[in-house]
N, C-alpha and C. Protein backbone atom coordinates (compact mmCIF):
# COMPACT_ATOMS: atom_id res chain seq x y z
N MET A 1 -6.71 -6.27 -13.58
CA MET A 1 -6.04 -5.49 -12.48
C MET A 1 -4.47 -5.72 -12.62
N SER A 2 -3.79 -4.67 -13.12
CA SER A 2 -2.43 -4.74 -13.11
C SER A 2 -1.83 -3.73 -12.13
N ASP A 3 -0.89 -4.33 -11.40
CA ASP A 3 -0.14 -3.51 -10.26
C ASP A 3 0.73 -2.38 -10.92
N ILE A 4 0.59 -1.36 -10.28
CA ILE A 4 1.42 -0.23 -10.61
C ILE A 4 2.65 -0.15 -9.68
N ALA A 5 2.42 -0.27 -8.40
CA ALA A 5 3.46 -0.26 -7.38
C ALA A 5 3.05 -1.06 -6.26
N THR A 6 4.03 -1.72 -5.60
CA THR A 6 3.72 -2.59 -4.37
C THR A 6 4.69 -2.13 -3.27
N ASN A 7 4.21 -2.28 -2.03
CA ASN A 7 4.92 -1.86 -0.96
C ASN A 7 5.50 -3.21 -0.34
N ARG A 8 6.69 -3.57 -0.65
CA ARG A 8 7.25 -4.81 -0.22
C ARG A 8 7.66 -4.83 1.29
N LYS A 9 7.99 -3.64 1.66
CA LYS A 9 8.30 -3.51 3.14
C LYS A 9 7.16 -3.67 4.09
N ALA A 10 5.95 -3.47 3.60
CA ALA A 10 4.69 -3.56 4.45
C ALA A 10 4.59 -4.91 5.02
N ARG A 11 4.73 -5.95 4.24
CA ARG A 11 4.51 -7.27 4.78
C ARG A 11 5.74 -7.88 5.51
N ARG A 12 6.87 -7.19 5.31
CA ARG A 12 7.97 -7.60 6.14
C ARG A 12 7.98 -6.93 7.53
N ASP A 13 7.44 -5.81 7.54
CA ASP A 13 7.48 -4.91 8.93
C ASP A 13 6.22 -4.97 9.62
N PHE A 14 5.12 -5.53 9.03
CA PHE A 14 3.75 -5.39 9.73
C PHE A 14 3.09 -6.75 9.62
N HIS A 15 2.32 -7.06 10.56
CA HIS A 15 1.35 -8.19 10.51
C HIS A 15 0.08 -7.47 10.02
N ILE A 16 -0.35 -7.91 8.86
CA ILE A 16 -1.49 -7.32 8.17
C ILE A 16 -2.80 -8.11 8.56
N SER A 17 -3.72 -7.54 9.27
CA SER A 17 -4.95 -8.13 9.70
C SER A 17 -6.18 -8.06 8.74
N GLU A 18 -6.34 -6.83 8.20
CA GLU A 18 -7.55 -6.64 7.36
C GLU A 18 -7.11 -5.78 6.19
N LYS A 19 -7.80 -5.99 4.99
CA LYS A 19 -7.40 -5.22 3.82
C LYS A 19 -8.77 -4.47 3.32
N PHE A 20 -8.47 -3.29 2.83
CA PHE A 20 -9.50 -2.43 2.23
C PHE A 20 -9.05 -1.89 0.80
N GLU A 21 -10.05 -1.63 -0.02
CA GLU A 21 -9.80 -1.13 -1.30
C GLU A 21 -10.22 0.30 -1.30
N ALA A 22 -9.48 1.22 -1.74
CA ALA A 22 -9.88 2.57 -1.77
C ALA A 22 -9.52 3.32 -3.23
N GLY A 23 -10.28 4.23 -3.49
CA GLY A 23 -9.87 5.04 -4.58
C GLY A 23 -9.10 6.26 -4.20
N LEU A 24 -8.36 6.94 -5.16
CA LEU A 24 -7.53 8.05 -4.83
C LEU A 24 -8.06 9.33 -5.54
N GLU A 25 -7.92 10.42 -4.90
CA GLU A 25 -8.50 11.67 -5.56
C GLU A 25 -7.12 12.25 -6.08
N LEU A 26 -7.06 12.33 -7.38
CA LEU A 26 -5.83 12.66 -8.11
C LEU A 26 -6.00 13.75 -9.15
N LYS A 27 -4.96 14.51 -9.35
CA LYS A 27 -4.96 15.51 -10.54
C LYS A 27 -4.65 14.82 -11.92
N GLY A 28 -4.89 15.54 -12.92
CA GLY A 28 -4.60 14.92 -14.25
C GLY A 28 -3.14 14.58 -14.54
N THR A 29 -2.22 15.44 -14.00
CA THR A 29 -0.76 15.16 -14.27
C THR A 29 -0.30 14.00 -13.29
N GLU A 30 -0.96 13.87 -12.15
CA GLU A 30 -0.64 12.74 -11.32
C GLU A 30 -0.99 11.49 -12.02
N VAL A 31 -2.06 11.35 -12.62
CA VAL A 31 -2.53 10.05 -13.38
C VAL A 31 -1.51 9.79 -14.47
N LYS A 32 -1.05 10.89 -15.20
CA LYS A 32 -0.11 10.60 -16.32
C LYS A 32 1.21 10.03 -15.62
N SER A 33 1.63 10.69 -14.52
CA SER A 33 2.83 10.20 -13.90
C SER A 33 2.75 8.74 -13.43
N ILE A 34 1.56 8.42 -12.96
CA ILE A 34 1.27 7.00 -12.52
C ILE A 34 1.32 6.16 -13.67
N ARG A 35 0.78 6.49 -14.73
CA ARG A 35 0.91 5.60 -16.05
C ARG A 35 2.26 5.43 -16.38
N ALA A 36 3.18 6.49 -16.24
CA ALA A 36 4.64 6.34 -16.64
C ALA A 36 5.42 5.60 -15.54
N GLY A 37 4.71 5.16 -14.50
CA GLY A 37 5.34 4.43 -13.43
C GLY A 37 6.18 5.18 -12.45
N LYS A 38 5.97 6.46 -12.29
CA LYS A 38 6.85 7.30 -11.43
C LYS A 38 6.15 7.52 -10.13
N VAL A 39 5.92 6.47 -9.41
CA VAL A 39 5.22 6.45 -8.05
C VAL A 39 5.90 5.55 -7.08
N ASN A 40 5.93 6.02 -5.86
CA ASN A 40 6.54 5.31 -4.82
C ASN A 40 5.66 5.23 -3.54
N ILE A 41 5.27 4.07 -3.09
CA ILE A 41 4.36 3.97 -1.86
C ILE A 41 5.15 3.37 -0.75
N GLY A 42 6.48 3.35 -0.71
CA GLY A 42 7.22 2.61 0.19
C GLY A 42 7.20 3.27 1.64
N GLU A 43 7.20 4.58 1.59
CA GLU A 43 7.13 5.37 2.91
C GLU A 43 5.82 5.92 3.28
N ALA A 44 4.69 5.51 2.42
CA ALA A 44 3.46 6.03 2.69
C ALA A 44 2.62 5.42 3.83
N TYR A 45 1.68 6.20 4.35
CA TYR A 45 0.73 5.74 5.34
C TYR A 45 -0.55 6.44 5.16
N ALA A 46 -1.59 5.98 5.89
CA ALA A 46 -2.88 6.67 5.86
C ALA A 46 -3.38 6.96 7.22
N SER A 47 -4.08 8.14 7.30
CA SER A 47 -4.65 8.39 8.61
C SER A 47 -6.00 9.12 8.47
N ALA A 48 -6.78 9.12 9.50
CA ALA A 48 -8.15 9.76 9.49
C ALA A 48 -8.08 11.13 9.90
N TYR A 49 -8.75 12.05 9.40
CA TYR A 49 -8.83 13.50 9.83
C TYR A 49 -10.20 14.06 9.44
N LYS A 50 -10.98 14.44 10.52
CA LYS A 50 -12.22 14.97 10.31
C LYS A 50 -13.26 14.11 9.46
N GLY A 51 -13.18 12.81 9.72
CA GLY A 51 -14.06 12.00 9.02
C GLY A 51 -13.79 11.48 7.59
N GLU A 52 -12.49 11.86 7.22
CA GLU A 52 -11.94 11.49 5.97
C GLU A 52 -10.60 10.76 6.08
N MET A 53 -10.25 9.83 5.18
CA MET A 53 -8.97 9.24 5.17
C MET A 53 -8.03 9.89 4.23
N TRP A 54 -6.82 10.15 4.63
CA TRP A 54 -5.81 10.84 3.78
C TRP A 54 -4.66 9.93 3.61
N LEU A 55 -4.02 9.95 2.46
CA LEU A 55 -2.80 9.25 2.22
C LEU A 55 -1.63 10.20 2.26
N HIS A 56 -0.58 9.95 3.09
CA HIS A 56 0.50 10.78 3.33
C HIS A 56 1.72 10.09 2.88
N GLN A 57 2.73 11.02 2.33
CA GLN A 57 4.02 10.63 1.98
C GLN A 57 4.14 9.68 0.73
N CYS A 58 3.00 9.68 -0.16
CA CYS A 58 3.02 8.88 -1.42
C CYS A 58 3.66 9.78 -2.39
N ASP A 59 4.83 9.29 -2.96
CA ASP A 59 5.57 10.06 -3.85
C ASP A 59 5.19 9.90 -5.26
N ILE A 60 4.48 10.86 -5.85
CA ILE A 60 4.22 10.80 -7.34
C ILE A 60 4.99 11.81 -7.99
N ARG A 61 5.98 11.57 -8.69
CA ARG A 61 6.93 12.50 -9.40
C ARG A 61 6.13 13.37 -10.40
N PRO A 62 6.44 14.58 -10.62
CA PRO A 62 5.81 15.43 -11.57
C PRO A 62 6.02 14.87 -13.01
N TYR A 63 4.96 15.16 -13.83
CA TYR A 63 4.94 14.78 -15.21
C TYR A 63 5.81 15.65 -16.08
N GLU A 64 6.78 15.20 -16.78
CA GLU A 64 7.82 16.06 -17.50
C GLU A 64 7.07 16.77 -18.68
N GLN A 65 6.11 16.13 -19.37
CA GLN A 65 5.59 16.81 -20.51
C GLN A 65 4.35 17.60 -20.20
N ALA A 66 4.04 17.95 -18.94
CA ALA A 66 3.03 18.76 -18.57
C ALA A 66 3.37 20.25 -19.13
N SER A 67 2.38 21.01 -19.52
CA SER A 67 2.66 22.29 -20.12
C SER A 67 2.66 23.39 -19.03
N HIS A 68 1.75 23.42 -18.29
CA HIS A 68 1.68 24.65 -17.24
C HIS A 68 1.31 24.22 -15.81
N GLU A 69 0.70 23.00 -15.64
CA GLU A 69 0.24 22.68 -14.22
C GLU A 69 1.10 21.53 -13.80
N PHE A 70 1.80 21.82 -12.65
CA PHE A 70 2.66 20.76 -12.06
C PHE A 70 2.03 20.58 -10.55
N HIS A 71 2.08 19.28 -10.18
CA HIS A 71 1.52 19.00 -8.86
C HIS A 71 2.83 18.81 -7.86
N VAL A 72 2.39 18.89 -6.61
CA VAL A 72 3.50 18.75 -5.59
C VAL A 72 3.61 17.31 -5.30
N PRO A 73 4.78 16.72 -5.41
CA PRO A 73 5.08 15.27 -5.27
C PRO A 73 4.56 14.62 -4.21
N LEU A 74 4.74 15.21 -2.96
CA LEU A 74 4.51 14.60 -1.69
C LEU A 74 3.20 15.16 -1.00
N ARG A 75 2.26 15.70 -1.75
CA ARG A 75 1.13 16.29 -1.22
C ARG A 75 0.14 15.14 -0.57
N ASN A 76 -0.69 15.59 0.38
CA ASN A 76 -1.63 14.59 1.00
C ASN A 76 -2.78 14.50 0.00
N ARG A 77 -3.14 13.17 -0.19
CA ARG A 77 -4.21 12.84 -1.21
C ARG A 77 -5.37 12.13 -0.38
N ARG A 78 -6.58 12.59 -0.82
CA ARG A 78 -7.71 12.02 -0.03
C ARG A 78 -8.10 10.69 -0.72
N LEU A 79 -8.48 9.74 0.21
CA LEU A 79 -8.76 8.37 -0.06
C LEU A 79 -10.32 8.41 -0.22
N LEU A 80 -10.81 7.75 -1.21
CA LEU A 80 -12.37 7.68 -1.44
C LEU A 80 -12.83 6.29 -0.86
N LEU A 81 -13.46 6.39 0.36
CA LEU A 81 -13.96 5.31 1.00
C LEU A 81 -15.43 5.59 1.46
N HIS A 82 -16.13 4.54 1.83
CA HIS A 82 -17.48 4.73 2.42
C HIS A 82 -17.26 5.09 3.91
N LYS A 83 -18.21 5.86 4.51
CA LYS A 83 -18.12 6.19 5.90
C LYS A 83 -17.89 5.06 6.84
N LYS A 84 -18.71 3.94 6.51
CA LYS A 84 -18.59 2.74 7.32
C LYS A 84 -17.19 2.21 7.33
N GLU A 85 -16.52 2.22 6.06
CA GLU A 85 -15.18 1.64 6.15
C GLU A 85 -14.20 2.66 6.83
N ILE A 86 -14.40 3.98 6.77
CA ILE A 86 -13.59 4.94 7.49
C ILE A 86 -13.72 4.76 9.03
N ARG A 87 -14.94 4.62 9.43
CA ARG A 87 -15.18 4.41 10.83
C ARG A 87 -14.49 3.14 11.33
N ARG A 88 -14.53 2.03 10.55
CA ARG A 88 -13.95 0.71 10.93
C ARG A 88 -12.47 0.85 10.97
N MET A 89 -11.82 1.60 9.99
CA MET A 89 -10.43 1.73 10.09
C MET A 89 -9.98 2.61 11.25
N GLU A 90 -10.75 3.63 11.56
CA GLU A 90 -10.53 4.45 12.75
C GLU A 90 -10.41 3.66 14.04
N ALA A 91 -11.48 2.82 14.20
CA ALA A 91 -11.67 1.94 15.31
C ALA A 91 -10.46 0.94 15.42
N LEU A 92 -10.01 0.41 14.23
CA LEU A 92 -8.90 -0.58 14.40
C LEU A 92 -7.57 0.18 14.63
N THR A 93 -7.33 1.41 14.19
CA THR A 93 -6.12 2.02 14.37
C THR A 93 -5.98 2.62 15.75
N GLU A 94 -7.06 2.71 16.52
CA GLU A 94 -7.00 3.23 17.87
C GLU A 94 -6.28 2.22 18.86
N GLN A 95 -6.19 0.96 18.35
CA GLN A 95 -5.58 -0.04 19.15
C GLN A 95 -4.00 0.27 19.10
N LYS A 96 -3.41 -0.11 20.17
CA LYS A 96 -1.93 0.27 20.27
C LYS A 96 -1.10 -0.44 19.21
N GLY A 97 -0.30 0.33 18.59
CA GLY A 97 0.63 -0.25 17.55
C GLY A 97 0.03 -0.38 16.19
N ALA A 98 -1.25 -0.10 15.92
CA ALA A 98 -1.87 -0.30 14.66
C ALA A 98 -1.88 0.85 13.78
N THR A 99 -1.56 0.60 12.49
CA THR A 99 -1.52 1.72 11.56
C THR A 99 -2.03 1.32 10.21
N VAL A 100 -2.45 2.27 9.34
CA VAL A 100 -2.95 1.88 8.04
C VAL A 100 -1.83 2.00 7.02
N VAL A 101 -1.44 0.89 6.39
CA VAL A 101 -0.36 0.84 5.50
C VAL A 101 -0.82 0.46 4.08
N PRO A 102 -0.39 1.28 3.09
CA PRO A 102 -0.69 0.93 1.72
C PRO A 102 0.10 -0.29 1.29
N LEU A 103 -0.61 -1.21 0.68
CA LEU A 103 0.11 -2.55 0.22
C LEU A 103 0.38 -2.53 -1.28
N ARG A 104 -0.46 -2.00 -2.05
CA ARG A 104 -0.23 -1.92 -3.49
C ARG A 104 -1.27 -0.86 -4.14
N LEU A 105 -0.70 -0.42 -5.29
CA LEU A 105 -1.36 0.55 -6.16
C LEU A 105 -1.66 -0.09 -7.48
N TYR A 106 -2.85 -0.10 -7.90
CA TYR A 106 -3.23 -0.83 -9.20
C TYR A 106 -4.34 -0.23 -9.99
N TRP A 107 -4.60 -0.60 -11.22
CA TRP A 107 -5.60 -0.13 -12.10
C TRP A 107 -6.77 -1.03 -11.95
N LYS A 108 -7.94 -0.52 -11.92
CA LYS A 108 -9.25 -1.33 -11.87
C LYS A 108 -10.23 -0.46 -12.70
N ASN A 109 -10.66 -1.08 -13.81
CA ASN A 109 -11.70 -0.44 -14.78
C ASN A 109 -11.14 1.07 -15.11
N GLY A 110 -9.91 1.23 -15.36
CA GLY A 110 -9.38 2.47 -15.86
C GLY A 110 -9.20 3.53 -14.64
N ARG A 111 -9.30 3.09 -13.51
CA ARG A 111 -9.12 4.02 -12.35
C ARG A 111 -8.08 3.43 -11.39
N VAL A 112 -7.36 4.46 -10.74
CA VAL A 112 -6.29 4.08 -9.75
C VAL A 112 -6.94 3.65 -8.48
N LYS A 113 -6.61 2.48 -8.00
CA LYS A 113 -7.10 1.91 -6.70
C LYS A 113 -5.87 1.73 -5.80
N ILE A 114 -6.11 1.82 -4.52
CA ILE A 114 -5.00 1.42 -3.54
C ILE A 114 -5.55 0.40 -2.53
N GLU A 115 -4.78 -0.61 -2.31
CA GLU A 115 -5.10 -1.59 -1.28
C GLU A 115 -4.39 -1.18 0.07
N LEU A 116 -5.29 -0.97 1.04
CA LEU A 116 -4.76 -0.61 2.35
C LEU A 116 -4.83 -1.78 3.34
N GLY A 117 -3.85 -1.86 4.23
CA GLY A 117 -3.93 -2.99 5.14
C GLY A 117 -3.80 -2.42 6.57
N ILE A 118 -4.46 -2.96 7.55
CA ILE A 118 -4.33 -2.51 9.01
C ILE A 118 -3.18 -3.38 9.47
N GLY A 119 -2.09 -2.71 9.82
CA GLY A 119 -0.90 -3.51 10.31
C GLY A 119 -0.41 -3.17 11.63
N LYS A 120 0.02 -4.11 12.25
CA LYS A 120 0.69 -4.05 13.61
C LYS A 120 2.17 -4.28 13.45
N GLY A 121 3.15 -3.58 13.95
CA GLY A 121 4.50 -3.78 13.83
C GLY A 121 5.02 -5.03 14.26
N LYS A 122 5.94 -5.54 13.49
CA LYS A 122 6.59 -6.88 13.93
C LYS A 122 7.96 -6.55 14.73
N ASP A 123 8.20 -7.48 15.62
CA ASP A 123 9.42 -7.50 16.40
C ASP A 123 10.47 -8.07 15.40
N GLN A 124 11.67 -7.89 15.85
CA GLN A 124 12.92 -8.44 15.16
C GLN A 124 12.76 -9.98 15.05
N ARG A 125 12.35 -10.61 16.20
CA ARG A 125 12.30 -12.03 16.25
C ARG A 125 11.14 -12.55 15.37
N ASP A 126 10.08 -11.80 15.11
CA ASP A 126 9.07 -12.10 14.19
C ASP A 126 9.65 -12.22 12.82
N LYS A 127 10.49 -11.22 12.53
CA LYS A 127 11.02 -11.19 11.11
C LYS A 127 11.92 -12.37 10.87
N ARG A 128 12.75 -12.76 11.89
CA ARG A 128 13.58 -13.86 11.73
C ARG A 128 12.82 -15.17 11.70
N GLN A 129 11.63 -15.22 12.37
CA GLN A 129 10.83 -16.41 12.26
C GLN A 129 10.20 -16.59 10.88
N ASP A 130 9.75 -15.42 10.35
CA ASP A 130 9.22 -15.48 8.88
C ASP A 130 10.27 -15.83 7.91
N LEU A 131 11.49 -15.41 8.08
CA LEU A 131 12.63 -15.81 7.22
C LEU A 131 12.94 -17.31 7.39
N LYS A 132 12.85 -17.85 8.58
CA LYS A 132 13.02 -19.26 8.74
C LYS A 132 11.95 -20.11 8.03
N GLN A 133 10.69 -19.64 8.19
CA GLN A 133 9.60 -20.33 7.65
C GLN A 133 9.58 -20.28 6.08
N ALA A 134 9.99 -19.19 5.58
CA ALA A 134 10.13 -19.03 4.10
C ALA A 134 11.24 -20.14 3.56
N ALA A 135 12.31 -20.05 4.25
CA ALA A 135 13.44 -21.05 3.80
C ALA A 135 13.08 -22.40 3.92
N HIS A 136 12.31 -22.78 5.04
CA HIS A 136 11.75 -24.07 5.21
C HIS A 136 10.79 -24.56 4.08
N SER A 137 9.92 -23.60 3.72
CA SER A 137 9.02 -23.95 2.69
C SER A 137 9.65 -24.16 1.31
N ARG A 138 10.67 -23.27 1.02
CA ARG A 138 11.41 -23.42 -0.25
C ARG A 138 12.16 -24.76 -0.24
N GLU A 139 12.61 -25.17 0.95
CA GLU A 139 13.33 -26.54 0.95
C GLU A 139 12.39 -27.70 0.71
N VAL A 140 11.17 -27.50 1.25
CA VAL A 140 10.18 -28.55 1.06
C VAL A 140 9.75 -28.50 -0.37
N GLU A 141 9.55 -27.45 -1.00
CA GLU A 141 9.19 -27.37 -2.46
C GLU A 141 10.27 -28.03 -3.29
N ARG A 142 11.56 -27.79 -2.99
CA ARG A 142 12.58 -28.20 -3.67
C ARG A 142 12.76 -29.79 -3.60
N GLU A 143 12.54 -30.34 -2.41
CA GLU A 143 12.58 -31.79 -2.27
C GLU A 143 11.45 -32.37 -2.97
N LEU A 144 10.19 -31.74 -2.88
CA LEU A 144 9.08 -32.33 -3.71
C LEU A 144 9.28 -32.35 -5.15
N ALA A 145 9.79 -31.22 -5.74
CA ALA A 145 10.09 -31.14 -7.10
C ALA A 145 11.16 -32.29 -7.52
N ARG A 146 12.28 -32.46 -6.66
CA ARG A 146 13.16 -33.59 -7.05
C ARG A 146 12.57 -34.85 -6.90
N TYR A 147 11.69 -35.12 -5.90
CA TYR A 147 11.09 -36.51 -5.73
C TYR A 147 10.11 -36.76 -6.91
N ASN A 148 9.41 -35.72 -7.43
CA ASN A 148 8.44 -35.95 -8.47
C ASN A 148 8.93 -36.05 -9.80
N LYS A 149 10.27 -35.81 -10.04
CA LYS A 149 10.96 -35.86 -11.25
C LYS A 149 10.81 -37.23 -12.01
């Protein structure tokens, strides 16, 4: 499983409670663009509509070598999930402040998969606390490395 794209802002801006793996319904030129690395999931989000999950604002740039068929870069793409998973995600997102955020896009057995997380927005103080904790753990690791030399 090699990562194609990661959403770094997701873990910074949201508390991720649960993760799901989903397939993506793509066109051929979209797969070619993804292989070329021309994809951005930084602004993307997912939502349920009529019993299906859809990925919005996922930017897959058009494939330059395509002969006649070009796709729309920001079109809504259907996510391939089981009904049970869709219902679970709908129930979790009905809570106040919860949303479905894509965490990373990756290859699995020759197919494009997306990892989705149920996220609740962080406050500014939560972000500051995370930065303090990361700095503290870096300092501890540094001291342990110096001690074990």
